[in-house]
C-alpha atoms as a PDB file:
ATOM      1  CA  MET A   1     102.560   5.815  68.781  1.00  0.00           C
ATOM      2  CA  ARG A   2     102.105   7.537  72.127  1.00  0.00           C
ATOM      3  CA  ARG A   3      98.510   6.291  72.380  1.00  0.00           C
ATOM      4  CA  ILE A   4      99.529   2.734  71.463  1.00  0.00           C
ATOM      5  CA  ARG A   5     102.105   2.799  74.255  1.00  0.00           C
ATOM      6  CA  SER A   6      99.456   4.094  76.629  1.00  0.00           C
ATOM      7  CA  ILE A   7      97.081   1.232  75.773  1.00  0.00           C
ATOM      8  CA  THR A   8      99.942  -1.307  76.086  1.00  0.00           C
ATOM      9  CA  PHE A   9     100.900   0.086  79.483  1.00  0.00           C
ATOM     10  CA  ALA A  10      97.286  -0.042  80.676  1.00  0.00           C
ATOM     11  CA  ALA A  11      96.973  -3.679  79.542  1.00  0.00           C
ATOM     12  CA  ALA A  12     100.253  -4.649  81.206  1.00  0.00           C
ATOM     13  CA  LEU A  13      99.212  -2.894  84.419  1.00  0.00           C
ATOM     14  CA  ALA A  14      95.850  -4.697  84.362  1.00  0.00           C
ATOM     15  CA  VAL A  15      97.550  -8.098  83.971  1.00  0.00           C
ATOM     16  CA  PHE A  16      99.991  -7.281  86.771  1.00  0.00           C
ATOM     17  CA  LEU A  17      97.209  -6.223  89.149  1.00  0.00           C
ATOM     18  CA  ILE A  18      95.145  -9.337  88.350  1.00  0.00           C
ATOM     19  CA  LEU A  19      98.138 -11.571  89.109  1.00  0.00           C
ATOM     20  CA  LEU A  20      98.941  -9.613  92.250  1.00  0.00           C
ATOM     21  CA  PHE A  21      95.409  -9.692  93.612  1.00  0.00           C
ATOM     22  CA  SER A  22      94.898 -13.347  92.701  1.00  0.00           C
ATOM     23  CA  GLY A  23      98.144 -14.284  94.450  1.00  0.00           C
ATOM     24  CA  LEU A  24      97.244 -12.324  97.553  1.00  0.00           C
ATOM     25  CA  PHE A  25      93.714 -13.706  97.503  1.00  0.00           C
ATOM     26  CA  SER A  26      95.013 -17.269  97.166  1.00  0.00           C
ATOM     27  CA  SER A  27      97.419 -16.798 100.048  1.00  0.00           C
ATOM     28  CA  LEU A  28      94.675 -15.375 102.234  1.00  0.00           C
ATOM     29  CA  VAL A  29      92.323 -18.260 101.369  1.00  0.00           C
ATOM     30  CA  ILE A  30      94.938 -20.896 102.271  1.00  0.00           C
ATOM     31  CA  TYR A  31      95.891 -19.041 105.457  1.00  0.00           C
ATOM     32  CA  ALA A  32      92.229 -18.682 106.478  1.00  0.00           C
ATOM     33  CA  CYS A  33      91.602 -22.395 105.883  1.00  0.00           C
ATOM     34  CA  TYR A  34      94.649 -23.212 108.000  1.00  0.00           C
ATOM     35  CA  ARG A  35      93.567 -20.921 110.856  1.00  0.00           C
ATOM     36  CA  LEU A  36      90.061 -22.394 110.811  1.00  0.00           C
ATOM     37  CA  ARG A  37      91.643 -25.871 110.943  1.00  0.00           C
ATOM     38  CA  ILE A  38      89.949 -26.764 107.681  1.00  0.00           C
ATOM     39  CA  ILE A  39      93.329 -27.939 106.498  1.00  0.00           C
ATOM     40  CA  SER A  40      96.434 -28.864 108.445  1.00  0.00           C
ATOM     41  CA  ARG A  41      99.789 -27.255 107.828  1.00  0.00           C
ATOM     42  CA  PRO A  42     100.275 -27.993 104.126  1.00  0.00           C
ATOM     43  CA  HIS A  43     103.343 -29.755 102.902  1.00  0.00           C
ATOM     44  CA  PRO A  44     105.604 -27.488 100.746  1.00  0.00           C
ATOM     45  CA  THR A  45     104.996 -29.684  97.711  1.00  0.00           C
ATOM     46  CA  ALA A  46     101.227 -29.604  98.218  1.00  0.00           C
ATOM     47  CA  LEU A  47     101.438 -25.854  98.745  1.00  0.00           C
ATOM     48  CA  LEU A  48     103.210 -25.437  95.423  1.00  0.00           C
ATOM     49  CA  ILE A  49     100.385 -27.352  93.742  1.00  0.00           C
ATOM     50  CA  LEU A  50      97.503 -25.773  95.661  1.00  0.00           C
ATOM     51  CA  LEU A  51      98.627 -22.152  95.395  1.00  0.00           C
ATOM     52  CA  PRO A  52      98.665 -21.988  91.544  1.00  0.00           C
ATOM     53  CA  ILE A  53      95.274 -23.727  91.354  1.00  0.00           C
ATOM     54  CA  VAL A  54      93.665 -21.280  93.778  1.00  0.00           C
ATOM     55  CA  SER A  55      95.470 -18.341  92.104  1.00  0.00           C
ATOM     56  CA  LEU A  56      94.206 -19.418  88.688  1.00  0.00           C
ATOM     57  CA  ALA A  57      90.630 -19.683  89.925  1.00  0.00           C
ATOM     58  CA  ALA A  58      90.835 -16.331  91.731  1.00  0.00           C
ATOM     59  CA  GLY A  59      92.505 -14.628  88.744  1.00  0.00           C
ATOM     60  CA  THR A  60      89.822 -15.944  86.401  1.00  0.00           C
ATOM     61  CA  ILE A  61      87.029 -14.603  88.627  1.00  0.00           C
ATOM     62  CA  ILE A  62      88.743 -11.188  88.989  1.00  0.00           C
ATOM     63  CA  ALA A  63      89.450 -11.000  85.233  1.00  0.00           C
ATOM     64  CA  ILE A  64      85.807 -11.758  84.412  1.00  0.00           C
ATOM     65  CA  ILE A  65      84.545  -9.074  86.824  1.00  0.00           C
ATOM     66  CA  PHE A  66      86.957  -6.353  85.708  1.00  0.00           C
ATOM     67  CA  GLY A  67      86.935  -7.413  82.051  1.00  0.00           C
ATOM     68  CA  LYS A  68      83.152  -7.155  81.896  1.00  0.00           C
ATOM     69  CA  ARG A  69      83.327  -3.644  83.299  1.00  0.00           C
ATOM     70  CA  LEU A  70      86.138  -2.562  80.979  1.00  0.00           C
ATOM     71  CA  LEU A  71      84.581  -4.095  77.860  1.00  0.00           C
ATOM     72  CA  ASN A  72      81.068  -2.798  78.523  1.00  0.00           C
ATOM     73  CA  PRO A  73      81.693   0.516  76.625  1.00  0.00           C
ATOM     74  CA  ALA A  74      83.149  -1.483  73.728  1.00  0.00           C
ATOM     75  CA  ARG A  75      80.019  -3.653  73.642  1.00  0.00           C
ATOM     76  CA  LYS A  76      77.834  -0.537  73.539  1.00  0.00           C
ATOM     77  CA  LEU A  77      79.999   0.842  70.724  1.00  0.00           C
ATOM     78  CA  ILE A  78      79.630  -2.406  68.740  1.00  0.00           C
ATOM     79  CA  ALA A  79      75.860  -2.327  69.278  1.00  0.00           C
ATOM     80  CA  GLY A  80      75.786   1.274  68.075  1.00  0.00           C
ATOM     81  CA  MET A  81      77.765   0.368  64.954  1.00  0.00           C
ATOM     82  CA  LYS A  82      75.257  -2.373  64.140  1.00  0.00           C
ATOM     83  CA  LYS A  83      72.411   0.164  64.353  1.00  0.00           C
ATOM     84  CA  VAL A  84      74.305   2.591  62.093  1.00  0.00           C
ATOM     85  CA  SER A  85      74.849  -0.190  59.553  1.00  0.00           C
ATOM     86  CA  LYS A  86      71.046  -0.541  59.421  1.00  0.00           C
ATOM     87  CA  GLY A  87      70.574   3.164  58.709  1.00  0.00           C
ATOM     88  CA  ASP A  88      69.905   4.496  62.228  1.00  0.00           C
ATOM     89  CA  PHE A  89      72.022   7.672  62.528  1.00  0.00           C
ATOM     90  CA  THR A  90      70.459   8.832  65.810  1.00  0.00           C
ATOM     91  CA  VAL A  91      72.681   6.523  67.893  1.00  0.00           C
ATOM     92  CA  GLN A  92      74.767   8.152  70.617  1.00  0.00           C
ATOM     93  CA  VAL A  93      77.024   6.045  72.864  1.00  0.00           C
ATOM     94  CA  GLU A  94      77.516   7.257  76.431  1.00  0.00           C
ATOM     95  CA  GLU A  95      81.096   7.702  77.577  1.00  0.00           C
ATOM     96  CA  ALA A  96      82.249   5.561  80.492  1.00  0.00           C
ATOM     97  CA  GLY A  97      85.204   5.392  82.813  1.00  0.00           C
ATOM     98  CA  GLY A  98      88.135   3.689  81.179  1.00  0.00           C
ATOM     99  CA  PRO A  99      91.096   4.382  78.919  1.00  0.00           C
ATOM    100  CA  GLU A 100      91.000   7.846  77.361  1.00  0.00           C
ATOM    101  CA  GLU A 101      91.565   6.266  73.966  1.00  0.00           C
ATOM    102  CA  LEU A 102      88.268   4.375  74.270  1.00  0.00           C
ATOM    103  CA  ASN A 103      86.429   7.550  75.289  1.00  0.00           C
ATOM    104  CA  GLU A 104      87.971   9.369  72.332  1.00  0.00           C
ATOM    105  CA  LEU A 105      86.786   6.563  70.054  1.00  0.00           C
ATOM    106  CA  ILE A 106      83.257   6.938  71.461  1.00  0.00           C
ATOM    107  CA  ARG A 107      83.348  10.713  70.941  1.00  0.00           C
ATOM    108  CA  SER A 108      84.497  10.224  67.350  1.00  0.00           C
ATOM    109  CA  PHE A 109      81.713   7.694  66.799  1.00  0.00           C
ATOM    110  CA  ASN A 110      79.092  10.108  68.184  1.00  0.00           C
ATOM    111  CA  LYS A 111      80.404  12.897  65.972  1.00  0.00           C
ATOM    112  CA  MET A 112      80.320  10.589  62.952  1.00  0.00           C
ATOM    113  CA  THR A 113      76.667   9.644  63.579  1.00  0.00           C
ATOM    114  CA  GLN A 114      75.757  13.329  63.944  1.00  0.00           C
ATOM    115  CA  GLU A 115      77.415  14.115  60.600  1.00  0.00           C
ATOM    116  CA  LEU A 116      75.743  11.138  58.928  1.00  0.00           C
ATOM    117  CA  GLY A 117      72.397  12.199  60.373  1.00  0.00           C
ATOM    118  CA  GLY A 118      72.888  15.701  58.985  1.00  0.00           C
ATOM    119  CA  ILE A 119      73.808  14.329  55.561  1.00  0.00           C
ATOM    120  CA  GLU A 120      70.764  12.040  55.572  1.00  0.00           C
ATOM    121  CA  LEU A 121      68.492  14.932  56.541  1.00  0.00           C
ATOM    122  CA  PHE A 122      70.034  17.103  53.824  1.00  0.00           C
ATOM    123  CA  ARG A 123      69.538  14.295  51.295  1.00  0.00           C
ATOM    124  CA  LYS A 124      65.855  13.954  52.156  1.00  0.00           C
ATOM    125  CA  ASP A 125      65.338  17.715  52.074  1.00  0.00           C
ATOM    126  CA  PHE A 126      67.177  17.953  48.766  1.00  0.00           C
ATOM    127  CA  ILE A 127      65.011  15.243  47.205  1.00  0.00           C
ATOM    128  CA  ASN A 128      61.814  16.870  48.498  1.00  0.00           C
ATOM    129  CA  ASP A 129      62.849  20.338  47.326  1.00  0.00           C
ATOM    130  CA  PHE A 130      64.101  19.004  44.011  1.00  0.00           C
ATOM    131  CA  SER A 131      60.813  17.178  43.389  1.00  0.00           C
ATOM    132  CA  HIS A 132      58.784  20.243  44.320  1.00  0.00           C
ATOM    133  CA  GLU A 133      60.838  22.623  42.160  1.00  0.00           C
ATOM    134  CA  PHE A 134      60.498  20.337  39.149  1.00  0.00           C
ATOM    135  CA  LYS A 135      56.808  19.605  39.679  1.00  0.00           C
ATOM    136  CA  THR A 136      55.782  23.263  39.757  1.00  0.00           C
ATOM    137  CA  PRO A 137      56.907  24.282  36.224  1.00  0.00           C
ATOM    138  CA  ILE A 138      55.870  20.910  34.785  1.00  0.00           C
ATOM    139  CA  ALA A 139      52.361  21.337  36.207  1.00  0.00           C
ATOM    140  CA  SER A 140      52.258  24.866  34.814  1.00  0.00           C
ATOM    141  CA  ILE A 141      53.364  23.713  31.352  1.00  0.00           C
ATOM    142  CA  ARG A 142      50.813  20.884  31.363  1.00  0.00           C
ATOM    143  CA  GLY A 143      48.003  23.199  32.449  1.00  0.00           C
ATOM    144  CA  PHE A 144      48.615  25.891  29.845  1.00  0.00           C
ATOM    145  CA  ALA A 145      49.245  23.302  27.114  1.00  0.00           C
ATOM    146  CA  ARG A 146      45.784  21.914  27.803  1.00  0.00           C
ATOM    147  CA  GLN A 147      44.355  25.418  27.612  1.00  0.00           C
ATOM    148  CA  LEU A 148      45.858  25.793  24.145  1.00  0.00           C
ATOM    149  CA  GLN A 149      43.663  22.922  22.957  1.00  0.00           C
ATOM    150  CA  ASN A 150      40.640  25.139  23.513  1.00  0.00           C
ATOM    151  CA  ASP A 151      39.515  26.400  20.073  1.00  0.00           C
ATOM    152  CA  SER A 152      37.721  29.391  21.586  1.00  0.00           C
ATOM    153  CA  LEU A 153      40.964  31.075  22.726  1.00  0.00           C
ATOM    154  CA  THR A 154      41.798  34.443  21.265  1.00  0.00           C
ATOM    155  CA  ALA A 155      45.121  35.112  19.556  1.00  0.00           C
ATOM    156  CA  GLU A 156      46.146  37.246  22.544  1.00  0.00           C
ATOM    157  CA  GLN A 157      45.405  34.445  25.002  1.00  0.00           C
ATOM    158  CA  ARG A 158      47.305  31.928  22.891  1.00  0.00           C
ATOM    159  CA  LYS A 159      50.298  34.254  22.824  1.00  0.00           C
ATOM    160  CA  GLU A 160      50.123  34.708  26.591  1.00  0.00           C
ATOM    161  CA  TYR A 161      49.885  30.962  27.295  1.00  0.00           C
ATOM    162  CA  THR A 162      52.677  30.045  24.900  1.00  0.00           C
ATOM    163  CA  GLY A 163      54.820  32.733  26.518  1.00  0.00           C
ATOM    164  CA  ILE A 164      54.237  31.164  29.949  1.00  0.00           C
ATOM    165  CA  ILE A 165      55.102  27.709  28.579  1.00  0.00           C
ATOM    166  CA  ILE A 166      58.341  29.064  27.098  1.00  0.00           C
ATOM    167  CA  GLU A 167      59.268  30.773  30.388  1.00  0.00           C
ATOM    168  CA  GLU A 168      58.598  27.615  32.432  1.00  0.00           C
ATOM    169  CA  SER A 169      60.558  25.505  29.932  1.00  0.00           C
ATOM    170  CA  GLU A 170      63.501  27.901  30.220  1.00  0.00           C
ATOM    171  CA  ARG A 171      63.198  27.717  33.996  1.00  0.00           C
ATOM    172  CA  LEU A 172      63.406  23.905  33.870  1.00  0.00           C
ATOM    173  CA  SER A 173      66.368  24.076  31.504  1.00  0.00           C
ATOM    174  CA  ALA A 174      68.184  26.551  33.773  1.00  0.00           C
ATOM    175  CA  MET A 175      67.474  24.383  36.812  1.00  0.00           C
ATOM    176  CA  ALA A 176      68.827  21.255  35.133  1.00  0.00           C
ATOM    177  CA  THR A 177      71.938  23.148  34.005  1.00  0.00           C
ATOM    178  CA  ASN A 178      72.571  24.539  37.496  1.00  0.00           C
ATOM    179  CA  ILE A 179      72.104  21.136  39.121  1.00  0.00           C
ATOM    180  CA  LEU A 180      74.596  19.549  36.723  1.00  0.00           C
ATOM    181  CA  LEU A 181      77.097  22.354  37.314  1.00  0.00           C
ATOM    182  CA  LEU A 182      76.632  22.229  41.075  1.00  0.00           C
ATOM    183  CA  THR A 183      77.111  18.447  41.109  1.00  0.00           C
ATOM    184  CA  GLN A 184      80.230  18.822  38.991  1.00  0.00           C
ATOM    185  CA  PHE A 185      81.765  21.487  41.228  1.00  0.00           C
ATOM    186  CA  GLU A 186      80.809  19.730  44.472  1.00  0.00           C
ATOM    187  CA  ASN A 187      82.737  16.664  43.295  1.00  0.00           C
ATOM    188  CA  GLN A 188      85.681  18.852  42.311  1.00  0.00           C
ATOM    189  CA  THR A 189      88.422  19.703  44.804  1.00  0.00           C
ATOM    190  CA  ILE A 190      90.878  21.708  42.709  1.00  0.00           C
ATOM    191  CA  VAL A 191      90.598  24.399  40.060  1.00  0.00           C
ATOM    192  CA  SER A 192      91.859  23.072  36.740  1.00  0.00           C
ATOM    193  CA  ASP A 193      92.482  24.795  33.386  1.00  0.00           C
ATOM    194  CA  ALA A 194      93.705  27.964  35.075  1.00  0.00           C
ATOM    195  CA  SER A 195      94.897  30.752  32.816  1.00  0.00           C
ATOM    196  CA  GLU A 196      95.463  34.497  33.020  1.00  0.00           C
ATOM    197  CA  PHE A 197      92.666  36.694  31.692  1.00  0.00           C
ATOM    198  CA  SER A 198      91.184  40.154  32.123  1.00  0.00           C
ATOM    199  CA  LEU A 199      88.633  39.899  34.919  1.00  0.00           C
ATOM    200  CA  ASP A 200      87.143  43.338  34.300  1.00  0.00           C
ATOM    201  CA  GLU A 201      86.550  42.494  30.619  1.00  0.00           C
ATOM    202  CA  GLN A 202      84.863  39.241  31.606  1.00  0.00           C
ATOM    203  CA  ILE A 203      82.475  41.153  33.894  1.00  0.00           C
ATOM    204  CA  ARG A 204      81.644  43.568  31.046  1.00  0.00           C
ATOM    205  CA  SER A 205      80.922  40.590  28.763  1.00  0.00           C
ATOM    206  CA  CYS A 206      78.563  39.098  31.355  1.00  0.00           C
ATOM    207  CA  LEU A 207      76.744  42.438  31.555  1.00  0.00           C
ATOM    208  CA  LEU A 208      76.329  42.505  27.778  1.00  0.00           C
ATOM    209  CA  LEU A 209      74.864  38.993  27.833  1.00  0.00           C
ATOM    210  CA  GLN A 210      72.100  40.264  30.116  1.00  0.00           C
ATOM    211  CA  GLN A 211      71.673  43.645  28.435  1.00  0.00           C
ATOM    212  CA  ASN A 212      68.087  42.913  27.372  1.00  0.00           C
ATOM    213  CA  GLN A 213      67.049  42.196  30.973  1.00  0.00           C
ATOM    214  CA  TRP A 214      68.459  45.333  32.592  1.00  0.00           C
ATOM    215  CA  GLU A 215      67.493  47.592  29.685  1.00  0.00           C
ATOM    216  CA  ARG A 216      63.907  46.260  29.766  1.00  0.00           C
ATOM    217  CA  LYS A 217      63.628  47.391  33.403  1.00  0.00           C
ATOM    218  CA  GLY A 218      65.348  50.702  32.731  1.00  0.00           C
ATOM    219  CA  ILE A 219      68.101  49.943  35.256  1.00  0.00           C
ATOM    220  CA  GLU A 220      70.995  52.365  35.541  1.00  0.00           C
ATOM    221  CA  LEU A 221      74.440  50.779  35.747  1.00  0.00           C
ATOM    222  CA  GLU A 222      77.302  52.399  37.643  1.00  0.00           C
ATOM    223  CA  LEU A 223      80.593  50.644  36.892  1.00  0.00           C
ATOM    224  CA  GLU A 224      83.970  51.030  38.581  1.00  0.00           C
ATOM    225  CA  LEU A 225      86.064  48.325  36.952  1.00  0.00           C
ATOM    226  CA  GLU A 226      89.808  48.685  37.284  1.00  0.00           C
ATOM    227  CA  PRO A 227      92.051  46.678  34.941  1.00  0.00           C
ATOM    228  CA  VAL A 228      92.495  43.355  36.744  1.00  0.00           C
ATOM    229  CA  VAL A 229      94.488  40.415  35.420  1.00  0.00           C
ATOM    230  CA  TYR A 230      93.546  37.234  37.237  1.00  0.00           C
ATOM    231  CA  LYS A 231      94.727  33.644  36.935  1.00  0.00           C
ATOM    232  CA  GLY A 232      91.934  31.099  37.289  1.00  0.00           C
ATOM    233  CA  ASN A 233      89.316  29.094  35.465  1.00  0.00           C
ATOM    234  CA  ARG A 234      87.599  31.574  33.161  1.00  0.00           C
ATOM    235  CA  GLU A 235      84.447  29.493  32.601  1.00  0.00           C
ATOM    236  CA  MET A 236      83.874  28.824  36.310  1.00  0.00           C
ATOM    237  CA  LEU A 237      84.118  32.483  37.266  1.00  0.00           C
ATOM    238  CA  SER A 238      81.781  33.548  34.478  1.00  0.00           C
ATOM    239  CA  HIS A 239      79.023  31.602  36.288  1.00  0.00           C
ATOM    240  CA  VAL A 240      79.700  33.681  39.403  1.00  0.00           C
ATOM    241  CA  TRP A 241      79.293  37.049  37.674  1.00  0.00           C
ATOM    242  CA  GLN A 242      76.309  35.944  35.593  1.00  0.00           C
ATOM    243  CA  ASN A 243      74.393  34.684  38.623  1.00  0.00           C
ATOM    244  CA  LEU A 244      75.163  37.723  40.764  1.00  0.00           C
ATOM    245  CA  ILE A 245      74.267  40.158  37.965  1.00  0.00           C
ATOM    246  CA  SER A 246      71.089  38.205  37.173  1.00  0.00           C
ATOM    247  CA  ASN A 247      70.039  38.334  40.833  1.00  0.00           C
ATOM    248  CA  ALA A 248      70.700  42.066  41.072  1.00  0.00           C
ATOM    249  CA  VAL A 249      68.629  42.723  37.936  1.00  0.00           C
ATOM    250  CA  LYS A 250      65.843  40.414  39.073  1.00  0.00           C
ATOM    251  CA  PHE A 251      65.354  42.102  42.450  1.00  0.00           C
ATOM    252  CA  SER A 252      65.914  45.681  41.312  1.00  0.00           C
ATOM    253  CA  PRO A 253      62.806  47.825  40.786  1.00  0.00           C
ATOM    254  CA  GLU A 254      61.884  49.471  37.496  1.00  0.00           C
ATOM    255  CA  GLY A 255      64.302  52.335  36.947  1.00  0.00           C
ATOM    256  CA  GLY A 256      66.571  51.003  39.703  1.00  0.00           C
ATOM    257  CA  LYS A 257      70.316  51.298  40.034  1.00  0.00           C
ATOM    258  CA  ILE A 258      73.073  48.671  40.183  1.00  0.00           C
ATOM    259  CA  GLN A 259      76.642  49.479  41.248  1.00  0.00           C
ATOM    260  CA  ILE A 260      79.423  47.107  40.228  1.00  0.00           C
ATOM    261  CA  LYS A 261      83.021  47.495  41.400  1.00  0.00           C
ATOM    262  CA  CYS A 262      86.123  45.422  40.789  1.00  0.00           C
ATOM    263  CA  TYR A 263      89.655  46.278  41.860  1.00  0.00           C
ATOM    264  CA  ASN A 264      92.887  44.882  43.287  1.00  0.00           C
ATOM    265  CA  GLU A 265      93.587  44.789  47.007  1.00  0.00           C
ATOM    266  CA  VAL A 266      96.874  43.822  48.658  1.00  0.00           C
ATOM    267  CA  SER A 267      96.470  40.065  48.300  1.00  0.00           C
ATOM    268  CA  HIS A 268      92.972  39.806  46.818  1.00  0.00           C
ATOM    269  CA  VAL A 269      90.773  40.861  43.971  1.00  0.00           C
ATOM    270  CA  LYS A 270      87.578  42.429  45.301  1.00  0.00           C
ATOM    271  CA  PHE A 271      84.291  42.401  43.399  1.00  0.00           C
ATOM    272  CA  SER A 272      81.072  43.944  44.701  1.00  0.00           C
ATOM    273  CA  ILE A 273      77.597  44.328  43.249  1.00  0.00           C
ATOM    274  CA  ALA A 274      74.906  46.407  44.951  1.00  0.00           C
ATOM    275  CA  ASP A 275      71.246  46.904  44.053  1.00  0.00           C
ATOM    276  CA  ASN A 276      68.487  49.051  45.564  1.00  0.00           C
ATOM    277  CA  GLY A 277      65.853  46.323  45.447  1.00  0.00           C
ATOM    278  CA  CYS A 278      63.697  44.618  48.087  1.00  0.00           C
ATOM    279  CA  GLY A 279      66.597  43.516  50.305  1.00  0.00           C
ATOM    280  CA  MET A 280      66.631  40.633  52.803  1.00  0.00           C
ATOM    281  CA  ASP A 281      66.131  40.070  56.510  1.00  0.00           C
ATOM    282  CA  ASP A 282      68.665  38.295  58.747  1.00  0.00           C
ATOM    283  CA  GLU A 283      66.890  34.933  58.472  1.00  0.00           C
ATOM    284  CA  THR A 284      67.031  35.010  54.674  1.00  0.00           C
ATOM    285  CA  MET A 285      70.679  36.072  54.676  1.00  0.00           C
ATOM    286  CA  SER A 286      71.621  33.140  56.935  1.00  0.00           C
ATOM    287  CA  HIS A 287      70.254  30.662  54.342  1.00  0.00           C
ATOM    288  CA  ILE A 288      70.803  32.545  51.096  1.00  0.00           C
ATOM    289  CA  PHE A 289      73.528  30.146  49.873  1.00  0.00           C
ATOM    290  CA  ASP A 290      71.567  26.966  50.694  1.00  0.00           C
ATOM    291  CA  LYS A 291      70.269  24.831  47.833  1.00  0.00           C
ATOM    292  CA  PHE A 292      66.727  25.675  46.696  1.00  0.00           C
ATOM    293  CA  TYR A 293      66.365  28.376  49.356  1.00  0.00           C
ATOM    294  CA  GLN A 294      64.503  31.398  47.995  1.00  0.00           C
ATOM    295  CA  GLY A 295      63.551  33.290  51.146  1.00  0.00           C
ATOM    296  CA  ASP A 296      60.167  34.943  51.316  1.00  0.00           C
ATOM    297  CA  SER A 297      57.662  35.213  48.502  1.00  0.00           C
ATOM    298  CA  ALA A 298      59.076  38.590  47.484  1.00  0.00           C
ATOM    299  CA  ARG A 299      62.286  36.892  46.406  1.00  0.00           C
ATOM    300  CA  ALA A 300      60.903  33.549  45.206  1.00  0.00           C
ATOM    301  CA  THR A 301      60.202  34.686  41.651  1.00  0.00           C
ATOM    302  CA  ALA A 302      61.602  33.297  38.420  1.00  0.00           C
ATOM    303  CA  GLY A 303      64.308  31.387  40.237  1.00  0.00           C
ATOM    304  CA  ASN A 304      65.138  27.949  41.581  1.00  0.00           C
ATOM    305  CA  GLY A 305      67.380  28.701  44.564  1.00  0.00           C
ATOM    306  CA  LEU A 306      70.479  27.144  42.991  1.00  0.00           C
ATOM    307  CA  GLY A 307      72.318  30.143  41.553  1.00  0.00           C
ATOM    308  CA  LEU A 308      73.811  31.412  44.808  1.00  0.00           C
ATOM    309  CA  SER A 309      74.682  27.860  45.929  1.00  0.00           C
ATOM    310  CA  LEU A 310      76.633  27.555  42.696  1.00  0.00           C
ATOM    311  CA  VAL A 311      78.291  30.929  43.277  1.00  0.00           C
ATOM    312  CA  TRP A 312      79.344  29.986  46.811  1.00  0.00           C
ATOM    313  CA  ARG A 313      80.799  26.639  45.696  1.00  0.00           C
ATOM    314  CA  ILE A 314      82.837  28.169  42.868  1.00  0.00           C
ATOM    315  CA  VAL A 315      84.177  30.976  45.072  1.00  0.00           C
ATOM    316  CA  ASN A 316      85.066  28.398  47.716  1.00  0.00           C
ATOM    317  CA  LEU A 317      86.889  26.254  45.139  1.00  0.00           C
ATOM    318  CA  CYS A 318      88.879  29.321  44.074  1.00  0.00           C
ATOM    319  CA  GLY A 319      89.950  29.832  47.683  1.00  0.00           C
ATOM    320  CA  GLY A 320      87.925  33.019  48.067  1.00  0.00           C
ATOM    321  CA  SER A 321      85.084  34.243  50.255  1.00  0.00           C
ATOM    322  CA  ILE A 322      81.683  35.774  49.658  1.00  0.00           C
ATOM    323  CA  ALA A 323      79.807  38.169  51.940  1.00  0.00           C
ATOM    324  CA  VAL A 324      76.329  39.654  51.765  1.00  0.00           C
ATOM    325  CA  LYS A 325      75.014  42.848  53.352  1.00  0.00           C
ATOM    326  CA  SER A 326      71.335  43.670  53.094  1.00  0.00           C
ATOM    327  CA  GLN A 327      68.394  45.479  54.661  1.00  0.00           C
ATOM    328  CA  LEU A 328      64.734  45.051  53.878  1.00  0.00           C
ATOM    329  CA  GLY A 329      63.610  47.669  51.393  1.00  0.00           C
ATOM    330  CA  ARG A 330      67.124  49.049  50.938  1.00  0.00           C
ATOM    331  CA  GLY A 331      68.737  46.537  48.608  1.00  0.00           C
ATOM    332  CA  SER A 332      71.568  44.016  48.867  1.00  0.00           C
ATOM    333  CA  THR A 333      75.313  44.023  48.325  1.00  0.00           C
ATOM    334  CA  PHE A 334      77.338  40.907  47.494  1.00  0.00           C
ATOM    335  CA  ILE A 335      81.109  41.071  47.955  1.00  0.00           C
ATOM    336  CA  VAL A 336      83.465  38.469  46.484  1.00  0.00           C
ATOM    337  CA  ARG A 337      87.159  38.265  47.345  1.00  0.00           C
ATOM    338  CA  LEU A 338      89.474  36.058  45.316  1.00  0.00           C
ATOM    339  CA  PRO A 339      93.050  35.464  46.527  1.00  0.00           C
ATOM    340  CA  VAL A 340      95.778  36.427  44.105  1.00  0.00           C
ATOM    341  CA  ASN A 341      98.246  33.986  45.670  1.00  0.00           C
ATOM    342  CA  ARG A 342      95.777  31.066  45.119  1.00  0.00           C
ATOM    343  CA  GLU A 343      95.999  29.962  48.759  1.00  0.00           C
ATOM    344  CA  LYS A 344      92.705  28.568  49.931  1.00  0.00           C
ATOM    345  CA  GLU A 345      90.780  30.613  52.401  1.00  0.00           C
ATOM    346  CA  GLY A 346      87.274  29.636  51.263  1.00  0.00           C
ATOM    347  CA  GLY A 347      84.137  30.453  53.143  1.00  0.00           C
ATOM    348  CA  ARG A 348      81.152  32.683  53.336  1.00  0.00           C
ATOM    349  CA  GLU A 349      80.256  35.559  55.576  1.00  0.00           C
ATOM    350  CA  ASN A 350      76.854  36.994  56.322  1.00  0.00           C
ATOM    351  CA  GLY A 351      76.060  40.469  57.540  1.00  0.00           C
ATOM    352  CA  LEU A 352      78.840  42.993  57.901  1.00  0.00           C
ATOM    353  CA  GLU A 353      81.886  42.481  55.772  1.00  0.00           C
ATOM    354  CA  LYS A 354      84.896  41.206  57.689  1.00  0.00           C
END
């Protein structure tokens, strides 16, 4: 309302000044013509007719000059909007002198084009990464399937090739599942189907589901799970623990150690999982929650870069936060905090825990 009044006042002031200047200009023109003896002393009736005509002409000229200057930023904004409608998100309109409301509109337009440009870039990157991640296992499956047609293969080679095909098929299946889940949660704004359940028991169940993986590598588990009753979506949170545990197992060395803790804080439930694996540098940590990002080649094994994106989105939906601390060669620690009062605080932190 305040801004509308401001625009109305500016318009009224502009009209008043145009009328004032046109009247003064008309008077000066008639007086100058009289002094130069171009016209004789005008009759009052003629003056009443002449003055409005000259004022109208002068006002029109002044309105055109000032109107063109005032409307020039609006014309640039309209031209920019036409370019955006054609898919050009690089447009930036320069601010000009005029009403603050118009400058604010230009700033909002520039911010909008920057956001749209970022979304478009993300879309292109996502499509490229998605295509690449799907092509790789498909090419591997096709190649080893062709090898199986060779009658000279030994039984051991056939077993090896079929094992690779099974692993790549499982990788594709996991990728498709994660993409569907991520799409579902990205289009979701609230946590539905919330119920109270034992969070520590859910974490133990997730560990049992991956028992074969951590036992195969001879990993030692150190658990500190306090009894925690939490109200939330049980299925959503199970994806968080499964992905974090899977990552810790994947990047832990043979005979490594994983520490898992879960306990109540004042207003949060805190979960942490630490491994003594290869760790990450600062660059990797800054992108670890991005879609399809897998860091260096040491970490880009048997994964698709979607698990941690899924974890971050779910934690964010629950109103919590996730932090990661890591050093190269010294392992990584992921810390999840979930609010007990269900107030949204969502976000992610990198580096030292805050």
